[in-house]
C-alpha atoms as a PDB file:
ATOM      1  CA  MET A   1       0.001   0.003  -0.001  1.00  0.00           C
ATOM      2  CA  ILE A   2       1.384   3.379  -0.941  1.00  0.00           C
ATOM      3  CA  ASN A   3      -0.607   5.449   1.563  1.00  0.00           C
ATOM      4  CA  ASN A   4      -2.565   3.662   4.294  1.00  0.00           C
ATOM      5  CA  ASP A   5      -4.097   6.905   5.568  1.00  0.00           C
ATOM      6  CA  ARG A   6      -5.745   8.067   2.338  1.00  0.00           C
ATOM      7  CA  ILE A   7      -7.067   4.968   0.568  1.00  0.00           C
ATOM      8  CA  VAL A   8      -9.169   5.468  -2.559  1.00  0.00           C
ATOM      9  CA  PRO A   9     -11.427   2.428  -2.857  1.00  0.00           C
ATOM     10  CA  VAL A  10     -12.002   0.692  -6.180  1.00  0.00           C
ATOM     11  CA  GLN A  11     -15.760   0.348  -6.403  1.00  0.00           C
ATOM     12  CA  LYS A  12     -16.873   0.921  -9.993  1.00  0.00           C
ATOM     13  CA  THR A  13     -14.695  -1.570 -11.846  1.00  0.00           C
ATOM     14  CA  ASP A  14     -13.339  -5.070 -11.486  1.00  0.00           C
ATOM     15  CA  LEU A  15      -9.690  -5.868 -10.773  1.00  0.00           C
ATOM     16  CA  LEU A  16      -8.894  -7.273 -14.236  1.00  0.00           C
ATOM     17  CA  THR A  17     -10.293  -4.175 -15.963  1.00  0.00           C
ATOM     18  CA  LEU A  18      -8.270  -2.015 -13.597  1.00  0.00           C
ATOM     19  CA  TYR A  19      -5.105  -3.999 -14.403  1.00  0.00           C
ATOM     20  CA  GLY A  20      -5.874  -3.728 -18.131  1.00  0.00           C
ATOM     21  CA  ASN A  21      -6.289   0.032 -17.866  1.00  0.00           C
ATOM     22  CA  ILE A  22      -2.998   0.348 -15.983  1.00  0.00           C
ATOM     23  CA  LEU A  23      -1.246  -1.662 -18.712  1.00  0.00           C
ATOM     24  CA  LYS A  24      -2.719   0.642 -21.390  1.00  0.00           C
ATOM     25  CA  ILE A  25      -1.588   3.732 -19.419  1.00  0.00           C
ATOM     26  CA  ALA A  26       1.896   2.168 -19.261  1.00  0.00           C
ATOM     27  CA  SER A  27       1.821   1.867 -23.091  1.00  0.00           C
ATOM     28  CA  VAL A  28       1.585  -1.932 -23.059  1.00  0.00           C
ATOM     29  CA  SER A  29      -0.357  -2.955 -26.147  1.00  0.00           C
ATOM     30  CA  VAL A  30      -2.645  -5.595 -24.647  1.00  0.00           C
ATOM     31  CA  THR A  31      -5.974  -7.109 -25.711  1.00  0.00           C
ATOM     32  CA  ALA A  32      -8.452  -9.168 -23.722  1.00  0.00           C
ATOM     33  CA  LEU A  33      -8.402 -12.943 -24.160  1.00  0.00           C
ATOM     34  CA  ALA A  34     -11.871 -14.459 -23.726  1.00  0.00           C
ATOM     35  CA  SER A  35     -12.288 -17.742 -21.904  1.00  0.00           C
ATOM     36  CA  THR A  36     -13.528 -20.875 -23.615  1.00  0.00           C
ATOM     37  CA  GLY A  37     -15.029 -22.150 -20.342  1.00  0.00           C
ATOM     38  CA  ILE A  38     -14.849 -21.131 -16.688  1.00  0.00           C
ATOM     39  CA  GLY A  39     -11.157 -20.349 -16.131  1.00  0.00           C
ATOM     40  CA  GLU A  40     -10.146 -22.118 -19.357  1.00  0.00           C
ATOM     41  CA  PHE A  41      -8.297 -20.366 -22.176  1.00  0.00           C
ATOM     42  CA  GLU A  42      -6.878 -21.073 -25.635  1.00  0.00           C
ATOM     43  CA  GLN A  43      -4.193 -18.739 -27.014  1.00  0.00           C
ATOM     44  CA  THR A  44      -3.880 -19.283 -30.770  1.00  0.00           C
ATOM     45  CA  THR A  45      -2.359 -15.984 -31.940  1.00  0.00           C
ATOM     46  CA  ASN A  46       1.430 -15.990 -32.296  1.00  0.00           C
ATOM     47  CA  SER A  47       3.401 -13.071 -30.792  1.00  0.00           C
ATOM     48  CA  ALA A  48       0.312 -11.626 -29.089  1.00  0.00           C
ATOM     49  CA  THR A  49       0.205  -9.810 -25.766  1.00  0.00           C
ATOM     50  CA  VAL A  50      -3.066 -10.495 -23.956  1.00  0.00           C
ATOM     51  CA  ILE A  51      -4.740 -10.262 -20.561  1.00  0.00           C
ATOM     52  CA  ALA A  52      -6.969 -13.161 -19.538  1.00  0.00           C
ATOM     53  CA  SER A  53     -10.538 -11.912 -19.029  1.00  0.00           C
ATOM     54  CA  GLU A  54     -11.038 -13.896 -15.824  1.00  0.00           C
ATOM     55  CA  PRO A  55      -8.843 -15.847 -13.398  1.00  0.00           C
ATOM     56  CA  VAL A  56      -6.935 -18.626 -15.186  1.00  0.00           C
ATOM     57  CA  LYS A  57      -7.344 -22.281 -14.279  1.00  0.00           C
ATOM     58  CA  THR A  58      -5.776 -23.587 -17.496  1.00  0.00           C
ATOM     59  CA  LEU A  59      -4.364 -21.996 -20.632  1.00  0.00           C
ATOM     60  CA  ASN A  60      -3.375 -23.946 -23.722  1.00  0.00           C
ATOM     61  CA  PHE A  61      -1.173 -22.422 -26.427  1.00  0.00           C
ATOM     62  CA  GLY A  62      -1.968 -23.531 -29.965  1.00  0.00           C
ATOM     63  CA  SER A  63       0.577 -25.412 -32.071  1.00  0.00           C
ATOM     64  CA  SER A  64       1.423 -22.346 -34.194  1.00  0.00           C
ATOM     65  CA  VAL A  65       2.195 -20.182 -31.138  1.00  0.00           C
ATOM     66  CA  THR A  66       5.940 -19.933 -30.538  1.00  0.00           C
ATOM     67  CA  ALA A  67       5.954 -16.601 -28.686  1.00  0.00           C
ATOM     68  CA  ALA A  68       3.311 -14.850 -26.586  1.00  0.00           C
ATOM     69  CA  THR A  69       2.843 -12.884 -23.389  1.00  0.00           C
ATOM     70  CA  VAL A  70      -0.170 -13.479 -21.171  1.00  0.00           C
ATOM     71  CA  TYR A  71      -1.059 -11.278 -18.213  1.00  0.00           C
ATOM     72  CA  PHE A  72      -3.195 -13.284 -15.813  1.00  0.00           C
ATOM     73  CA  ILE A  73      -4.574 -13.753 -12.327  1.00  0.00           C
ATOM     74  CA  PRO A  74      -4.429 -17.404 -11.231  1.00  0.00           C
ATOM     75  CA  ASP A  75      -7.688 -19.047 -10.210  1.00  0.00           C
ATOM     76  CA  ALA A  76      -7.879 -20.782  -6.825  1.00  0.00           C
ATOM     77  CA  ASP A  77      -7.945 -24.036  -8.860  1.00  0.00           C
ATOM     78  CA  TYR A  78      -4.975 -22.976 -11.023  1.00  0.00           C
ATOM     79  CA  GLN A  79      -3.538 -25.939 -12.936  1.00  0.00           C
ATOM     80  CA  GLY A  80      -1.134 -24.203 -15.290  1.00  0.00           C
ATOM     81  CA  PHE A  81      -0.207 -23.807 -18.944  1.00  0.00           C
ATOM     82  CA  THR A  82       0.158 -26.316 -21.758  1.00  0.00           C
ATOM     83  CA  LYS A  83       1.042 -26.227 -25.438  1.00  0.00           C
ATOM     84  CA  THR A  84      -1.192 -28.356 -27.639  1.00  0.00           C
ATOM     85  CA  GLY A  85      -2.077 -30.286 -24.489  1.00  0.00           C
ATOM     86  CA  ALA A  86       1.531 -31.074 -23.479  1.00  0.00           C
ATOM     87  CA  THR A  87       3.127 -29.747 -20.309  1.00  0.00           C
ATOM     88  CA  LEU A  88       5.596 -26.878 -20.803  1.00  0.00           C
ATOM     89  CA  THR A  89       8.964 -26.320 -19.139  1.00  0.00           C
ATOM     90  CA  VAL A  90       8.089 -23.590 -16.639  1.00  0.00           C
ATOM     91  CA  SER A  91      10.317 -21.297 -14.632  1.00  0.00           C
ATOM     92  CA  GLY A  92       8.728 -19.171 -11.938  1.00  0.00           C
ATOM     93  CA  GLU A  93       6.233 -19.746  -9.156  1.00  0.00           C
ATOM     94  CA  VAL A  94       2.533 -18.926  -8.928  1.00  0.00           C
ATOM     95  CA  ASP A  95       0.641 -18.188  -5.715  1.00  0.00           C
ATOM     96  CA  ALA A  96      -2.969 -18.923  -6.659  1.00  0.00           C
ATOM     97  CA  ASP A  97      -4.411 -16.192  -4.456  1.00  0.00           C
ATOM     98  CA  GLY A  98      -6.959 -14.917  -6.989  1.00  0.00           C
ATOM     99  CA  VAL A  99      -5.706 -11.305  -6.999  1.00  0.00           C
ATOM    100  CA  THR A 100      -2.015 -11.133  -7.946  1.00  0.00           C
ATOM    101  CA  LEU A 101      -1.175 -10.237 -11.542  1.00  0.00           C
ATOM    102  CA  TYR A 102       1.432 -12.384 -13.309  1.00  0.00           C
ATOM    103  CA  THR A 103       2.974 -12.566 -16.765  1.00  0.00           C
ATOM    104  CA  ALA A 104       3.506 -15.821 -18.594  1.00  0.00           C
ATOM    105  CA  THR A 105       5.998 -15.377 -21.424  1.00  0.00           C
ATOM    106  CA  LEU A 106       6.246 -18.182 -23.958  1.00  0.00           C
ATOM    107  CA  SER A 107       9.407 -18.652 -25.987  1.00  0.00           C
ATOM    108  CA  THR A 108       9.234 -21.818 -28.119  1.00  0.00           C
ATOM    109  CA  ASN A 109       8.359 -24.491 -25.519  1.00  0.00           C
ATOM    110  CA  ALA A 110       9.667 -22.699 -22.423  1.00  0.00           C
ATOM    111  CA  LEU A 111       7.381 -20.583 -20.248  1.00  0.00           C
ATOM    112  CA  THR A 112       8.613 -17.941 -17.812  1.00  0.00           C
ATOM    113  CA  ILE A 113       6.142 -16.811 -15.156  1.00  0.00           C
ATOM    114  CA  ALA A 114       6.763 -13.637 -13.169  1.00  0.00           C
ATOM    115  CA  LYS A 115       4.793 -11.657 -10.626  1.00  0.00           C
ATOM    116  CA  VAL A 116       3.940  -8.100 -11.746  1.00  0.00           C
ATOM    117  CA  GLY A 117       4.271  -5.246  -9.277  1.00  0.00           C
ATOM    118  CA  PHE A 118       5.480  -4.945  -5.724  1.00  0.00           C
END
């Protein structure tokens, strides 16, 4: 918390929209990735930068995707990322707390996950 004495509450938007707006303000060219089911995602666009539209339980990269960046909040039932159904080599840890923003950066078949922010 930057200032505990003068908190401005977030009441008129959801956390993912707020994160998306902050990314846009920071000049990050990001688009929303819609889920295919509750917490389930398919990323089929190569070299795209996206933000998952709801907490992520699973995300599968399509076979033609060799590079991508996904901003996401992990679901409480977070299971991870795959590529065409196969498990990826992952570096980085995820705390599935339902509020922390992470990036998942795919490079070929290796995935790097990093916490965003403080």
